[in-house]
């Protein structure tokens, strides 16, 4: 995925996307891989691939056998910073 110079989300814009509404319930601050994939509208396999390539550094953590994603960091990484090796 190429970095887009035109699409940078401010912290306020990210917060507004999940202000107390149905989306905030559907996408809590800590997401499962299924929730993260649904939020970004990509297959779960794509998230696994991006994570294994190091594209999602700082956005996810393994908790036991499961991977959890920090919603706001994930959105910021994908839409503001772009996906790249760190």
Protein backbone atom coordinates (compact mmCIF):
# COMPACT_ATOMS: atom_id res chain seq x y z
CA UNK A 1 0.00 0.00 0.00
CA UNK A 2 1.47 3.36 -0.98
CA UNK A 3 1.72 6.23 1.41
CA UNK A 4 -0.77 8.94 0.58
CA UNK A 5 0.46 12.46 1.24
CA UNK A 6 -3.09 13.80 0.94
CA UNK A 7 -4.66 11.61 3.60
CA UNK A 8 -3.44 12.41 7.10
CA UNK A 9 -5.88 12.05 9.95
CA UNK A 10 -5.55 14.22 13.02
CA UNK A 11 -6.06 12.76 16.48
CA UNK A 12 -9.36 14.67 16.62
CA UNK A 13 -10.57 13.09 13.38
CA UNK A 14 -9.74 9.61 14.64
CA UNK A 15 -11.51 10.28 17.94
CA UNK A 16 -14.55 11.67 16.12
CA UNK A 17 -14.84 8.50 14.04
CA UNK A 18 -15.47 6.53 17.23
CA UNK A 19 -17.31 9.09 19.35
CA UNK A 20 -20.11 7.54 21.43
CA UNK A 21 -22.07 5.87 18.65
CA UNK A 22 -22.66 2.40 17.38
CA UNK A 23 -19.18 2.31 15.80
CA UNK A 24 -17.57 2.77 19.21
CA UNK A 25 -19.37 -0.35 20.44
CA UNK A 26 -18.55 -2.31 17.32
CA UNK A 27 -14.91 -1.24 17.31
CA UNK A 28 -13.68 -0.86 20.92
CA UNK A 29 -10.20 0.58 21.64
CA UNK A 30 -8.65 -2.91 21.67
CA UNK A 31 -9.65 -5.06 18.70
CA UNK A 32 -9.50 -8.73 17.82
CA UNK A 33 -8.05 -9.56 14.43
CA UNK A 34 -11.58 -10.10 13.08
CA UNK A 35 -12.70 -6.67 14.32
CA UNK A 36 -9.58 -5.00 12.93
CA UNK A 37 -10.10 -6.65 9.54
CA UNK A 38 -13.75 -5.57 9.50
CA UNK A 39 -12.80 -2.01 10.46
CA UNK A 40 -10.30 -1.76 7.59
CA UNK A 41 -12.49 -3.84 5.26
CA UNK A 42 -9.66 -6.23 4.42
CA UNK A 43 -9.40 -10.00 4.82
CA UNK A 44 -7.95 -11.33 8.08
CA UNK A 45 -5.17 -12.92 6.01
CA UNK A 46 -4.13 -9.49 4.78
CA UNK A 47 -3.74 -8.24 8.36
CA UNK A 48 -1.69 -11.32 9.23
CA UNK A 49 0.52 -10.69 6.20
CA UNK A 50 0.99 -6.99 7.00
CA UNK A 51 1.85 -7.85 10.60
CA UNK A 52 4.36 -10.55 9.60
CA UNK A 53 6.06 -8.09 7.21
CA UNK A 54 6.39 -5.53 10.01
CA UNK A 55 3.95 -3.05 8.49
CA UNK A 56 1.87 -2.81 11.68
CA UNK A 57 4.67 -2.26 14.20
CA UNK A 58 3.32 -0.45 17.24
CA UNK A 59 -0.30 -1.31 16.42
CA UNK A 60 -0.60 -4.87 17.61
CA UNK A 61 0.54 -7.25 20.30
CA UNK A 62 0.29 -10.96 20.87
CA UNK A 63 -1.68 -11.81 24.01
CA UNK A 64 -1.22 -15.51 24.60
CA UNK A 65 -2.31 -17.20 21.37
CA UNK A 66 -4.23 -14.16 20.17
CA UNK A 67 -3.29 -10.91 18.46
CA UNK A 68 -4.89 -7.67 19.61
CA UNK A 69 -4.83 -4.36 17.76
CA UNK A 70 -4.97 -0.86 19.19
CA UNK A 71 -7.75 0.70 17.13
CA UNK A 72 -6.57 4.31 16.99
CA UNK A 73 -2.94 3.39 16.30
CA UNK A 74 -4.06 1.00 13.56
CA UNK A 75 -6.19 3.66 11.87
CA UNK A 76 -3.38 6.21 12.18
CA UNK A 77 -0.81 3.78 10.77
CA UNK A 78 -2.89 2.76 7.77
CA UNK A 79 -4.42 6.13 6.87
CA UNK A 80 -1.87 8.71 8.03
CA UNK A 81 1.54 7.08 8.10
CA UNK A 82 1.11 4.43 5.43
CA UNK A 83 2.24 0.82 5.47
CA UNK A 84 5.96 0.27 5.24
CA UNK A 85 8.76 -1.61 6.95
CA UNK A 86 10.02 0.19 10.04
